Each structure stands twice: as C-alpha cells, then as structure tokens.
Protein backbone atom coordinates (compact mmCIF):
# COMPACT_ATOMS: atom_id res chain seq x y z
CA UNK A 1 118.38 -2.65 75.53
CA UNK A 2 114.86 -2.48 76.86
CA UNK A 3 113.54 -4.40 73.89
CA UNK A 4 116.18 -7.09 74.44
CA UNK A 5 115.09 -7.37 78.09
CA UNK A 6 111.49 -7.67 77.00
CA UNK A 7 112.20 -10.28 74.41
CA UNK A 8 114.34 -12.39 76.74
CA UNK A 9 111.66 -12.23 79.41
CA UNK A 10 108.94 -13.18 77.03
CA UNK A 11 110.93 -16.16 75.76
CA UNK A 12 111.87 -17.41 79.26
CA UNK A 13 108.33 -17.00 80.61
CA UNK A 14 106.84 -18.46 77.41
CA UNK A 15 104.52 -15.47 76.80
CA UNK A 16 103.86 -13.24 73.86
CA UNK A 17 105.65 -9.90 74.14
CA UNK A 18 102.98 -7.17 73.99
CA UNK A 19 102.52 -4.05 76.01
CA UNK A 20 99.49 -2.24 77.29
CA UNK A 21 101.79 0.60 78.23
CA UNK A 22 103.24 3.10 75.78
CA UNK A 23 106.88 2.64 74.87
CA UNK A 24 107.52 6.17 76.21
CA UNK A 25 106.21 5.23 79.65
CA UNK A 26 108.23 2.08 79.68
CA UNK A 27 111.33 3.81 78.52
CA UNK A 28 110.99 6.53 81.16
CA UNK A 29 110.57 3.95 83.91
CA UNK A 30 113.45 1.93 82.60
CA UNK A 31 115.77 4.97 82.35
CA UNK A 32 114.71 5.98 85.89
CA UNK A 33 115.75 2.55 87.10
CA UNK A 34 119.11 2.78 85.34
CA UNK A 35 119.75 6.25 86.79
CA UNK A 36 118.88 4.95 90.22
CA UNK A 37 121.17 1.95 89.76
CA UNK A 38 124.07 4.21 88.75
CA UNK A 39 123.42 6.47 91.83
CA UNK A 40 123.31 3.51 94.16
CA UNK A 41 126.52 2.03 92.64
CA UNK A 42 128.23 5.42 92.96
CA UNK A 43 127.13 5.75 96.62
CA UNK A 44 128.45 2.27 97.30
CA UNK A 45 131.79 3.22 95.74
CA UNK A 46 131.93 6.33 97.95
CA UNK A 47 131.05 4.35 101.10
CA UNK A 48 133.60 1.63 100.47
CA UNK A 49 136.45 4.09 100.72
CA UNK A 50 135.56 4.73 104.38
CA UNK A 51 136.85 1.38 105.66
CA UNK A 52 136.12 -2.24 105.76
CA UNK A 53 132.97 -2.08 107.89
CA UNK A 54 131.57 0.71 105.74
CA UNK A 55 132.50 -1.31 102.72
CA UNK A 56 130.36 -4.30 103.81
CA UNK A 57 127.57 -1.91 104.82
CA UNK A 58 127.74 -0.30 101.35
CA UNK A 59 127.67 -3.74 99.57
CA UNK A 60 124.64 -4.80 101.69
CA UNK A 61 122.84 -1.52 100.93
CA UNK A 62 123.66 -1.93 97.26
CA UNK A 63 122.26 -5.46 97.20
CA UNK A 64 119.02 -4.33 98.92
CA UNK A 65 118.58 -1.38 96.56
CA UNK A 66 119.40 -3.47 93.44
CA UNK A 67 116.95 -6.13 94.63
CA UNK A 68 114.21 -3.52 94.75
CA UNK A 69 115.26 -2.17 91.38
CA UNK A 70 115.25 -5.58 89.70
CA UNK A 71 111.97 -6.43 91.42
CA UNK A 72 110.42 -3.42 89.77
CA UNK A 73 112.06 -4.28 86.43
CA UNK A 74 110.74 -7.87 86.64
CA UNK A 75 107.26 -6.57 87.37
CA UNK A 76 107.43 -4.30 84.19
CA UNK A 77 108.71 -7.00 81.87
CA UNK A 78 106.43 -9.55 80.19
CA UNK A 79 105.62 -12.53 82.45
CA UNK A 80 102.92 -14.89 83.41
CA UNK A 81 100.55 -13.64 86.10
CA UNK A 82 102.47 -13.84 89.40
CA UNK A 83 102.68 -12.21 92.70
CA UNK A 84 105.46 -9.79 93.60
CA UNK A 85 106.82 -12.37 96.09
CA UNK A 86 107.26 -14.85 93.24
CA UNK A 87 109.58 -12.39 91.50
CA UNK A 88 111.76 -11.90 94.64
CA UNK A 89 114.22 -14.83 94.32
CA UNK A 90 115.31 -13.82 90.74
CA UNK A 91 115.55 -10.18 91.73
CA UNK A 92 117.74 -10.98 94.74
CA UNK A 93 119.94 -13.31 92.64
CA UNK A 94 120.36 -10.79 89.94
CA UNK A 95 121.17 -8.19 92.50
CA UNK A 96 123.88 -10.36 94.13
CA UNK A 97 125.34 -11.26 90.76
CA UNK A 98 125.47 -7.58 89.59
CA UNK A 99 126.76 -6.32 92.87
CA UNK A 100 129.53 -8.89 92.93
CA UNK A 101 130.27 -8.09 89.29
CA UNK A 102 130.59 -4.42 90.18
CA UNK A 103 132.71 -5.05 93.23
CA UNK A 104 134.89 -7.57 91.46
CA UNK A 105 134.79 -5.62 88.30
CA UNK A 106 136.21 -2.49 89.99
CA UNK A 107 139.25 -4.62 90.72
CA UNK A 108 139.48 -7.05 87.77
CA UNK A 109 138.08 -5.14 84.84
CA UNK A 110 139.95 -1.94 85.72
CA UNK A 111 143.31 -3.73 85.38
CA UNK A 112 142.07 -5.49 82.16
CA UNK A 113 140.91 -2.14 80.76
CA UNK A 114 144.22 -0.48 81.46
CA UNK A 115 146.17 -3.36 79.87
CA UNK A 116 143.83 -3.72 76.92
CA UNK A 117 144.23 0.05 76.22
CA UNK A 118 148.00 -0.32 76.21
CA UNK A 119 148.04 -3.43 74.05
CA UNK A 120 145.17 -3.11 71.68
CA UNK A 121 143.90 0.47 71.89
CA UNK A 122 140.28 1.14 71.36
CA UNK A 123 139.47 -2.44 70.28
CA UNK A 124 140.78 -3.81 73.51
CA UNK A 125 138.68 -1.37 75.49
CA UNK A 126 135.60 -2.29 73.52
CA UNK A 127 136.17 -6.05 74.06
CA UNK A 128 136.60 -5.59 77.87
CA UNK A 129 133.45 -3.40 78.12
CA UNK A 130 131.43 -5.90 75.97
CA UNK A 131 132.71 -8.72 78.24
CA UNK A 132 131.45 -6.88 81.28
CA UNK A 133 128.09 -6.19 79.72
CA UNK A 134 127.79 -9.85 78.60
CA UNK A 135 128.36 -11.12 82.16
CA UNK A 136 125.81 -8.57 83.48
CA UNK A 137 123.28 -9.70 80.87
CA UNK A 138 123.79 -13.28 81.93
CA UNK A 139 123.05 -12.25 85.49
CA UNK A 140 119.74 -10.71 84.36
CA UNK A 141 118.84 -13.77 82.37
CA UNK A 142 119.74 -16.01 85.31
CA UNK A 143 117.33 -13.96 87.53
CA UNK A 144 114.53 -14.24 85.02
CA UNK A 145 115.05 -18.00 84.68
CA UNK A 146 115.14 -18.35 88.50
CA UNK A 147 111.80 -16.52 88.72
CA UNK A 148 110.27 -18.80 86.10
CA UNK A 149 111.56 -22.04 87.82
CA UNK A 150 110.34 -20.63 91.22
CA UNK A 151 106.92 -19.85 89.86
CA UNK A 152 106.62 -23.31 88.11
CA UNK A 153 108.09 -25.33 90.99
CA UNK A 154 104.80 -26.83 92.14
CA UNK A 155 103.85 -27.88 88.57
CA UNK A 156 107.21 -29.40 87.98
CA UNK A 157 107.08 -31.36 91.29
CA UNK A 158 103.54 -32.46 90.62
CA UNK A 159 104.51 -33.71 87.16
CA UNK A 160 107.52 -35.61 88.50
CA UNK A 161 105.43 -37.26 91.19
CA UNK A 162 102.85 -38.23 88.58
CA UNK A 163 105.58 -39.79 86.35
CA UNK A 164 106.79 -41.85 89.28
CA UNK A 165 103.38 -43.08 90.12
CA UNK A 166 102.69 -43.88 86.49
CA UNK A 167 106.02 -45.76 86.21
CA UNK A 168 105.31 -47.78 89.38
CA UNK A 169 101.79 -48.61 88.07
CA UNK A 170 103.12 -49.68 84.74
CA UNK A 171 105.60 -52.02 86.39
CA UNK A 172 102.94 -53.46 88.60
CA UNK A 173 104.10 -56.93 89.67
CA UNK A 174 106.21 -57.55 86.56
CA UNK A 175 109.96 -57.70 86.69
CA UNK A 176 111.81 -54.89 85.00
CA UNK A 177 113.46 -56.11 81.82
CA UNK A 178 117.22 -56.30 81.95
CA UNK A 179 119.23 -54.31 79.41
CA UNK A 180 120.35 -56.44 76.51
CA UNK A 181 121.92 -53.85 74.30
CA UNK A 182 123.86 -50.61 74.51
CA UNK A 183 127.54 -49.72 74.81
CA UNK A 184 128.17 -51.27 78.22
CA UNK A 185 126.43 -54.51 77.24
CA UNK A 186 128.20 -54.76 73.85
CA UNK A 187 131.60 -54.09 75.52
CA UNK A 188 130.94 -56.84 78.07
CA UNK A 189 129.99 -59.28 75.28
CA UNK A 190 133.23 -58.59 73.38
CA UNK A 191 135.43 -58.81 76.38
CA UNK A 192 136.73 -62.37 76.79
CA UNK A 193 136.53 -63.83 80.28
CA UNK A 194 139.80 -64.68 81.88
CA UNK A 195 140.44 -67.43 84.26
CA UNK A 196 139.99 -66.20 87.86
CA UNK A 197 137.95 -63.13 86.97
C-alpha cells in the first residue's frame, strides 16, 4: 500500500519516485500513522456514543487529527519542493473525505456488509470491503491532486493571463473571423428557411 501511495504521489506531482530514506524507516513511519489513524477513529467511535454534542466534538477532533496525519504522510511521499502550508489543503480535504466515509460507512457499509454476507457469503464481504477501500483511496488521490493544484495555482494563473494577452495581441485591430464550418453551421445551411421565420 505504501508503494502505491508513493507511485500515485510521484505521478500526480510529476516527479521521479526515489527515496533517500530506507524502506524500513518509511514503513515504520507509515505503520505508525496507520495505527494512530485507527486509534483516533476508535476514540471518535467511543465519543460518539455519548450523545449528539459529543458526537460532533468527536468528528471535529477526528478531522483535526486526520489532517495532521495526512499532512505528515504528504510530507513523506514524493513531491516537488513545497512548504508544509502548501500541503495543508489536500490534507484537510482528505481528512474530511475519510472522516465522512468513516462516519457514513459505519451506517451504510455496515448494513451492506450484513446483507452481502447473507446473500453472497465471503465474496459479498470482499466486494463491500474493496468498495470501501476504493473510495478511501480516491479520497487520498483527491487530496494529492488538490495539493498539486494549490502549489501550481500561480503558474496556471500566470499562463492563462499570458494566453489572454497573446490572444488579444494577435487579434490587434483585425476582426475575428466568423465560423464558416462545423456542426451548427452545416445544420443551419441544410435547414430551409420558412416564411415568417
């Protein structure tokens, strides 16, 4: 799973996946983060049984803790040189997605898991668990893409402004040519004009 995260992060950031840390060090940090994630989720589950106010407090604490966990994970994965602040939007988004998935999953996936076990046995259980992991993985990828877009936002905006300036300079004082072909034009040419239209 760690190698998949590393590969996805390298592809999204457009960098080569290489490591100056040993795989044992990365694996130890990653497993520590996974254990911490499970502990935080378990604490949230315990807090939510205490009432609605405690439930919202537990969810908020989970989002904060998961944001810090994913901030650390984003820092360990391959990326272009950035500051920790640049990684915060993706970590926060991933945290919210996974917290909502866990809260919603405790209601939705539990019923699906029970029904799948009754209908399809082990295969049904495997499909439900893989569906949950797929959605969780999409949340992590969404966070990584968000970090990349956030980091590159100035370059993208500068490039768009330059294209607009270049387009305006190319037009100069000339009139823009009217479209003489394409689906809408060919449809209009084929359509006979009726009287009164």
